Amino acid sequence: MITTPTSAASQAANPSAVSNNQRSALASDFETFLRMLTVQARNQDPLEPLDSSEYASQLAQFSMVEQQVKANELLSGLALTLGAVNLNQLAGWVGMDVQVAAPFRFETHPIPIFAEAEPTADRAELVIRDDQDTVVDRIPVPSDKSEFEWAGVSSTGDPLPAGNYSASLESFKGGKLLSDTPASAFSRVVEAQVSEDAVVLKLDSGAEVSVDKVTQIRTGA
């Protein structure tokens, strides 16, 4: 799903509508101005005719308005073009699998999980938590590895239900905890939207992340 403001979407669908309305209004105003100017010239006092400089001033003012309308029209067209580019960029994210440190969706298949232990660590443990932030599995892993596989079972070996989980990697040295680093996994992008000049991705786990948090992208299966 791609989220965009309704007004922008409707204008992008019919970009000529605003332009046509502006040209129509400008033409109507110009004709009205000419009629008023003609009536003014016909009904002026012959003994005290209007100064020609006053006509020139009125024409100059209208010319300025005309140029401003044209400038606004060009800016509107540019904004619509940029909006269309943003839509294309957003559409490219939907359906992709992205690697990000955020809650991930587990169904039935093993989940690849990515994290790096502290360089000085002599022991590491992969910690899995459910959507209630309860630890459901704790797996000793090599401290010199950065990719692991979680089979979706608890510490007692029982299969865990499908749902949303998160992972972190704890680094130890001499029995002392050095760090607890969030681990990343691949999640499917189901929605993309522009928020405060940043693209935000909504994942199949329900998590929302900024694109600058994504470390890898692959085509969704």
Protein backbone atom coordinates (compact mmCIF):
# COMPACT_ATOMS: atom_id res chain seq x y z
CA MET A 1 0.00 0.00 0.00
CA ILE A 2 1.23 3.49 -0.85
CA THR A 3 -0.03 6.38 1.27
CA THR A 4 -0.31 9.86 -0.27
CA PRO A 5 -2.38 12.97 0.47
CA THR A 6 -5.77 12.80 -1.28
CA SER A 7 -5.48 16.26 -2.84
CA ALA A 8 -2.05 15.52 -4.30
CA ALA A 9 -3.24 12.23 -5.70
CA SER A 10 -6.28 13.79 -7.36
CA GLN A 11 -4.17 16.57 -8.89
CA ALA A 12 -1.59 14.07 -10.11
CA ALA A 13 -4.39 12.07 -11.74
CA ASN A 14 -5.56 15.16 -13.65
CA PRO A 15 -2.63 17.61 -13.81
CA SER A 16 -4.21 19.70 -16.59
CA ALA A 17 -7.33 20.58 -14.60
CA VAL A 18 -5.65 23.22 -12.41
CA SER A 19 -3.79 24.70 -15.38
CA ASN A 20 -6.95 24.92 -17.52
CA ASN A 21 -8.89 26.60 -14.71
CA GLN A 22 -6.15 29.17 -14.20
CA ARG A 23 -5.95 30.01 -17.92
CA SER A 24 -9.74 30.31 -18.12
CA ALA A 25 -9.86 32.64 -15.11
CA LEU A 26 -7.01 34.74 -16.50
CA ALA A 27 -8.66 35.11 -19.91
CA SER A 28 -11.97 36.09 -18.28
CA ASP A 29 -10.30 38.70 -16.07
CA PHE A 30 -8.38 40.15 -19.03
CA GLU A 31 -11.57 40.52 -21.12
CA THR A 32 -13.33 42.15 -18.18
CA PHE A 33 -10.42 44.56 -17.77
CA LEU A 34 -10.54 45.55 -21.47
CA ARG A 35 -14.30 46.15 -21.34
CA MET A 36 -13.93 48.35 -18.27
CA LEU A 37 -11.08 50.25 -19.89
CA THR A 38 -13.17 50.82 -23.05
CA VAL A 39 -16.19 52.04 -21.08
CA GLN A 40 -13.92 54.30 -19.05
CA ALA A 41 -12.47 55.84 -22.24
CA ARG A 42 -15.91 56.37 -23.82
CA ASN A 43 -17.40 58.03 -20.76
CA GLN A 44 -14.54 60.25 -19.70
CA ASP A 45 -15.07 63.99 -19.40
CA PRO A 46 -13.83 65.60 -22.67
CA LEU A 47 -12.76 68.66 -20.68
CA GLU A 48 -10.77 66.57 -18.19
CA PRO A 49 -9.55 63.45 -20.01
CA LEU A 50 -7.73 60.74 -18.09
CA ASP A 51 -3.97 60.96 -18.09
CA SER A 52 -2.37 58.41 -20.43
CA SER A 53 0.06 57.51 -17.65
CA GLU A 54 -2.91 56.25 -15.63
CA TYR A 55 -3.80 53.83 -18.44
CA ALA A 56 -0.19 52.66 -18.53
CA SER A 57 -0.20 52.13 -14.78
CA GLN A 58 -3.36 50.02 -14.94
CA LEU A 59 -1.94 47.91 -17.78
CA ALA A 60 1.32 47.42 -15.87
CA GLN A 61 -0.56 46.25 -12.77
CA PHE A 62 -2.56 43.73 -14.74
CA SER A 63 0.59 42.53 -16.49
CA MET A 64 2.18 41.85 -13.10
CA VAL A 65 -0.84 39.81 -12.01
CA GLU A 66 -0.76 37.88 -15.28
CA GLN A 67 2.92 37.02 -14.82
CA GLN A 68 2.30 35.92 -11.23
CA VAL A 69 -0.50 33.58 -12.32
CA LYS A 70 1.75 32.07 -14.97
CA ALA A 71 4.56 31.61 -12.42
CA ASN A 72 2.15 29.88 -10.01
CA GLU A 73 1.03 27.63 -12.85
CA LEU A 74 4.62 26.59 -13.60
CA LEU A 75 5.34 25.94 -9.92
CA SER A 76 2.19 23.84 -9.59
CA GLY A 77 3.22 21.76 -12.59
CA LEU A 78 6.69 21.25 -11.11
CA ALA A 79 5.22 20.17 -7.76
CA LEU A 80 2.96 17.64 -9.49
CA THR A 81 5.93 16.26 -11.42
CA LEU A 82 7.99 15.87 -8.26
CA GLY A 83 4.99 14.24 -6.55
CA ALA A 84 4.77 11.67 -9.34
CA VAL A 85 8.48 10.89 -8.91
CA ASN A 86 7.94 10.34 -5.18
CA LEU A 87 5.04 8.00 -5.91
CA ASN A 88 7.25 5.91 -8.19
CA GLN A 89 9.91 5.73 -5.50
CA LEU A 90 7.38 4.63 -2.88
CA ALA A 91 5.91 1.97 -5.17
CA GLY A 92 9.37 0.43 -5.58
CA TRP A 93 9.55 -0.39 -1.86
CA VAL A 94 6.23 -2.23 -1.53
CA GLY A 95 6.62 -6.01 -1.72
CA MET A 96 10.38 -5.92 -1.14
CA ASP A 97 12.15 -7.74 1.71
CA VAL A 98 14.35 -5.43 3.77
CA GLN A 99 16.92 -6.25 6.42
CA VAL A 100 16.38 -4.02 9.43
CA ALA A 101 16.74 -4.15 13.21
CA ALA A 102 13.04 -4.29 14.04
CA PRO A 103 10.44 -6.87 15.09
CA PHE A 104 10.02 -9.56 12.43
CA ARG A 105 7.24 -11.96 11.45
CA PHE A 106 7.74 -15.70 12.11
CA GLU A 107 5.52 -18.27 10.40
CA THR A 108 6.97 -21.78 10.06
CA HIS A 109 10.34 -21.46 8.35
CA PRO A 110 13.68 -20.78 10.11
CA ILE A 111 14.61 -17.11 10.27
CA PRO A 112 18.09 -15.80 9.35
CA ILE A 113 19.20 -13.26 11.97
CA PHE A 114 22.13 -10.84 11.65
CA ALA A 115 24.21 -9.23 14.40
CA GLU A 116 27.86 -8.73 15.38
CA ALA A 117 29.33 -9.32 18.82
CA GLU A 118 31.80 -6.98 20.45
CA PRO A 119 35.31 -7.52 19.03
CA THR A 120 36.69 -8.37 22.49
CA ALA A 121 33.85 -10.76 23.43
CA ASP A 122 34.70 -14.35 24.31
CA ARG A 123 31.07 -15.48 24.38
CA ALA A 124 27.80 -14.43 22.74
CA GLU A 125 24.14 -15.34 23.10
CA LEU A 126 21.26 -14.72 20.69
CA VAL A 127 18.19 -13.67 22.66
CA ILE A 128 14.69 -14.02 21.19
CA ARG A 129 11.70 -12.14 22.60
CA ASP A 130 8.01 -12.36 21.75
CA ASP A 131 5.69 -9.42 21.10
CA GLN A 132 5.24 -9.01 24.86
CA ASP A 133 9.03 -8.55 25.24
CA THR A 134 9.29 -11.88 27.08
CA VAL A 135 12.44 -13.90 26.47
CA VAL A 136 11.40 -17.16 24.78
CA ASP A 137 14.78 -18.47 23.64
CA ARG A 138 18.44 -17.89 24.46
CA ILE A 139 20.97 -19.50 22.11
CA PRO A 140 24.77 -19.61 22.59
CA VAL A 141 26.39 -18.59 19.27
CA PRO A 142 29.99 -18.11 18.08
CA SER A 143 31.21 -14.62 18.90
CA ASP A 144 33.07 -14.39 15.59
CA LYS A 145 29.97 -14.99 13.45
CA SER A 146 27.49 -12.37 12.23
CA GLU A 147 24.72 -14.51 10.69
CA PHE A 148 22.63 -17.01 12.62
CA GLU A 149 19.48 -19.06 12.07
CA TRP A 150 16.59 -19.25 14.50
CA ALA A 151 14.41 -22.34 14.08
CA GLY A 152 11.40 -20.91 15.89
CA VAL A 153 11.55 -23.06 19.02
CA SER A 154 11.71 -22.17 22.70
CA SER A 155 14.57 -22.84 25.11
CA THR A 156 12.88 -26.15 25.98
CA GLY A 157 12.72 -27.19 22.31
CA ASP A 158 8.98 -26.64 21.89
CA PRO A 159 7.78 -25.05 18.62
CA LEU A 160 6.66 -21.47 19.07
CA PRO A 161 3.45 -20.12 17.50
CA ALA A 162 3.50 -17.87 14.46
CA GLY A 163 3.72 -14.23 15.39
CA ASN A 164 6.00 -11.25 15.82
CA TYR A 165 9.37 -11.62 17.51
CA SER A 166 12.53 -9.59 18.01
CA ALA A 167 16.15 -10.55 18.58
CA SER A 168 19.30 -9.14 20.13
CA LEU A 169 22.87 -10.32 20.58
CA GLU A 170 24.47 -10.21 24.02
CA SER A 171 28.26 -10.02 24.15
CA PHE A 172 30.22 -11.26 27.19
CA LYS A 173 33.83 -11.23 28.30
CA GLY A 174 34.93 -13.11 31.39
CA GLY A 175 31.29 -13.58 32.35
CA LYS A 176 30.58 -9.82 32.19
CA LEU A 177 27.94 -8.44 29.82
CA LEU A 178 29.56 -6.02 27.41
CA SER A 179 26.56 -5.08 25.25
CA ASP A 180 23.07 -6.09 24.14
CA THR A 181 22.87 -5.21 20.43
CA PRO A 182 19.58 -5.28 18.47
CA ALA A 183 19.73 -7.91 15.74
CA SER A 184 18.25 -7.55 12.28
CA ALA A 185 16.15 -9.84 10.09
CA PHE A 186 14.36 -9.65 6.75
CA SER A 187 10.78 -8.37 6.75
CA ARG A 188 8.31 -7.73 3.95
CA VAL A 189 7.35 -4.11 3.17
CA VAL A 190 3.55 -3.77 3.00
CA GLU A 191 3.24 0.02 2.91
CA ALA A 192 5.39 3.06 2.17
CA GLN A 193 4.66 6.69 2.91
CA VAL A 194 6.37 10.07 3.04
CA SER A 195 6.48 11.52 6.55
CA GLU A 196 8.32 14.73 7.46
CA ASP A 197 10.55 14.58 4.36
CA ALA A 198 11.50 10.94 5.04
CA VAL A 199 10.22 7.69 3.56
CA VAL A 200 8.75 5.42 6.24
CA LEU A 201 8.21 1.71 5.61
CA LYS A 202 5.54 -0.38 7.33
CA LEU A 203 6.57 -4.03 7.68
CA ASP A 204 4.47 -7.20 7.79
CA SER A 205 5.20 -7.35 11.53
CA GLY A 206 3.46 -3.99 11.97
CA ALA A 207 6.73 -2.21 12.75
CA GLU A 208 7.44 1.14 11.05
CA VAL A 209 11.01 2.08 10.14
CA SER A 210 12.75 4.84 8.22
CA VAL A 211 14.55 3.79 5.05
CA ASP A 212 17.87 4.93 6.52
CA LYS A 213 17.63 1.99 8.96
CA VAL A 214 17.58 -0.54 6.11
CA THR A 215 20.90 -2.36 5.63
CA GLN A 216 19.95 -4.71 2.76
CA ILE A 217 17.17 -5.16 0.19
CA ARG A 218 16.08 -8.19 -1.76
CA THR A 219 13.17 -9.12 -4.01
CA GLY A 220 10.23 -10.54 -2.09
CA ALA A 221 9.60 -14.25 -2.62
